[in-house]
C-alpha atoms as a PDB file:
ATOM      1  CA  MET A   1      88.456 148.155 125.259  1.00  0.00           C
ATOM      2  CA  THR A   2      89.728 148.048 128.843  1.00  0.00           C
ATOM      3  CA  PRO A   3      93.406 148.665 129.728  1.00  0.00           C
ATOM      4  CA  ASP A   4      93.804 144.962 130.576  1.00  0.00           C
ATOM      5  CA  GLU A   5      92.405 143.955 127.192  1.00  0.00           C
ATOM      6  CA  LEU A   6      94.784 146.365 125.447  1.00  0.00           C
ATOM      7  CA  ASP A   7      97.719 144.928 127.410  1.00  0.00           C
ATOM      8  CA  ARG A   8      96.752 141.369 126.417  1.00  0.00           C
ATOM      9  CA  GLN A   9      96.384 142.446 122.783  1.00  0.00           C
ATOM     10  CA  THR A  10      99.870 143.991 122.837  1.00  0.00           C
ATOM     11  CA  GLN A  11     101.359 140.916 124.527  1.00  0.00           C
ATOM     12  CA  HIS A  12      99.724 138.756 121.864  1.00  0.00           C
ATOM     13  CA  ALA A  13     101.214 140.855 119.052  1.00  0.00           C
ATOM     14  CA  VAL A  14     104.691 140.839 120.625  1.00  0.00           C
ATOM     15  CA  LEU A  15     104.612 137.088 121.217  1.00  0.00           C
ATOM     16  CA  LEU A  16     103.385 136.313 117.698  1.00  0.00           C
ATOM     17  CA  PHE A  17     106.148 138.469 116.207  1.00  0.00           C
ATOM     18  CA  ALA A  18     108.779 136.791 118.383  1.00  0.00           C
ATOM     19  CA  LEU A  19     107.479 133.327 117.465  1.00  0.00           C
ATOM     20  CA  ALA A  20     107.476 134.188 113.761  1.00  0.00           C
ATOM     21  CA  SER A  21     111.082 135.388 114.119  1.00  0.00           C
ATOM     22  CA  ASP A  22     112.251 132.372 116.161  1.00  0.00           C
ATOM     23  CA  PRO A  23     115.121 131.613 116.742  1.00  0.00           C
ATOM     24  CA  ALA A  24     116.222 135.221 116.170  1.00  0.00           C
ATOM     25  CA  LEU A  25     117.403 137.393 119.022  1.00  0.00           C
ATOM     26  CA  LEU A  26     115.278 140.545 118.750  1.00  0.00           C
ATOM     27  CA  SER A  27     116.151 143.996 120.024  1.00  0.00           C
ATOM     28  CA  ASP A  28     113.574 146.166 121.762  1.00  0.00           C
ATOM     29  CA  GLU A  29     113.656 148.464 118.752  1.00  0.00           C
ATOM     30  CA  GLU A  30     112.991 145.632 116.268  1.00  0.00           C
ATOM     31  CA  ILE A  31     109.967 144.525 118.268  1.00  0.00           C
ATOM     32  CA  LEU A  32     108.742 148.093 118.592  1.00  0.00           C
ATOM     33  CA  LEU A  33     109.031 148.787 114.862  1.00  0.00           C
ATOM     34  CA  ALA A  34     107.267 145.538 113.979  1.00  0.00           C
ATOM     35  CA  VAL A  35     104.403 145.825 116.455  1.00  0.00           C
ATOM     36  CA  ALA A  36     103.742 149.544 116.924  1.00  0.00           C
ATOM     37  CA  GLN A  37     101.347 151.428 114.704  1.00  0.00           C
ATOM     38  CA  ASP A  38     103.191 154.640 115.654  1.00  0.00           C
ATOM     39  CA  PRO A  39     106.679 153.914 117.026  1.00  0.00           C
ATOM     40  CA  GLU A  40     107.004 157.541 118.164  1.00  0.00           C
ATOM     41  CA  ASP A  41     103.921 157.332 120.401  1.00  0.00           C
ATOM     42  CA  VAL A  42     105.170 157.256 124.005  1.00  0.00           C
ATOM     43  CA  ASP A  43     102.130 155.379 125.317  1.00  0.00           C
ATOM     44  CA  GLU A  44     102.487 152.724 122.641  1.00  0.00           C
ATOM     45  CA  ARG A  45     106.222 152.365 123.362  1.00  0.00           C
ATOM     46  CA  ASP A  46     105.411 151.933 127.059  1.00  0.00           C
ATOM     47  CA  SER A  47     102.768 149.337 126.259  1.00  0.00           C
ATOM     48  CA  ILE A  48     105.194 147.273 124.170  1.00  0.00           C
ATOM     49  CA  THR A  49     107.920 147.545 126.811  1.00  0.00           C
ATOM     50  CA  ARG A  50     105.403 146.391 129.418  1.00  0.00           C
ATOM     51  CA  ALA A  51     104.367 143.481 127.155  1.00  0.00           C
ATOM     52  CA  ILE A  52     107.981 142.332 126.807  1.00  0.00           C
ATOM     53  CA  ARG A  53     108.436 142.527 130.583  1.00  0.00           C
ATOM     54  CA  GLU A  54     105.207 140.592 131.271  1.00  0.00           C
ATOM     55  CA  LEU A  55     105.984 137.889 128.695  1.00  0.00           C
ATOM     56  CA  SER A  56     109.426 137.494 130.211  1.00  0.00           C
ATOM     57  CA  ALA A  57     108.005 137.279 133.740  1.00  0.00           C
ATOM     58  CA  SER A  58     105.555 134.595 132.630  1.00  0.00           C
ATOM     59  CA  GLY A  59     108.300 132.496 131.026  1.00  0.00           C
ATOM     60  CA  LEU A  60     107.400 133.049 127.377  1.00  0.00           C
ATOM     61  CA  LEU A  61     110.357 135.274 126.449  1.00  0.00           C
ATOM     62  CA  HIS A  62     113.981 135.283 127.510  1.00  0.00           C
ATOM     63  CA  TYR A  63     114.901 138.945 127.960  1.00  0.00           C
ATOM     64  CA  ARG A  64     118.321 140.350 128.763  1.00  0.00           C
ATOM     65  CA  ASN A  65     120.225 143.538 127.967  1.00  0.00           C
ATOM     66  CA  GLY A  66     117.604 144.861 125.551  1.00  0.00           C
ATOM     67  CA  PHE A  67     117.178 141.647 123.559  1.00  0.00           C
ATOM     68  CA  ALA A  68     114.356 139.103 123.589  1.00  0.00           C
ATOM     69  CA  GLN A  69     113.935 135.562 122.316  1.00  0.00           C
ATOM     70  CA  THR A  70     111.137 133.044 122.700  1.00  0.00           C
ATOM     71  CA  THR A  71     111.524 130.301 125.279  1.00  0.00           C
ATOM     72  CA  ARG A  72     111.233 126.613 124.523  1.00  0.00           C
ATOM     73  CA  ALA A  73     107.919 126.623 126.389  1.00  0.00           C
ATOM     74  CA  ALA A  74     106.518 129.366 124.140  1.00  0.00           C
ATOM     75  CA  THR A  75     107.722 127.643 120.986  1.00  0.00           C
ATOM     76  CA  ARG A  76     106.275 124.299 122.073  1.00  0.00           C
ATOM     77  CA  ALA A  77     102.935 125.846 123.086  1.00  0.00           C
ATOM     78  CA  ALA A  78     102.708 127.613 119.727  1.00  0.00           C
ATOM     79  CA  LEU A  79     103.335 124.318 117.947  1.00  0.00           C
ATOM     80  CA  LEU A  80     100.655 122.535 119.948  1.00  0.00           C
ATOM     81  CA  LEU A  81      98.156 125.381 119.513  1.00  0.00           C
ATOM     82  CA  HIS A  82      98.899 125.749 115.771  1.00  0.00           C
ATOM     83  CA  LEU A  83      99.894 129.415 116.119  1.00  0.00           C
END
C-alpha cells in the first residue's frame, strides 16, 4: 500500500468514527484511542493527527483547540451516501 493510500485509509477511519459519534465533540486522544491499532506507535499517532488536519482543511471536520466535530457537509454527505 502506498503512503497516499494509507493516508486515505486513516482519514476514512477517522471520519467514520467522528460520524458515528456525531454530534459529540471528540478530543484528539479519543479519536486516537478509537482508530489506532497501537496508540503508542509514533508513526500511527502522526498519521491520525495528519488525517484530522486534512479532514479539517477539506471541510469535513471542525477542529479547534484539540477537539474535532463533523461538519454539516460531512453529516449530510454521509446521509446521502448511506455511510
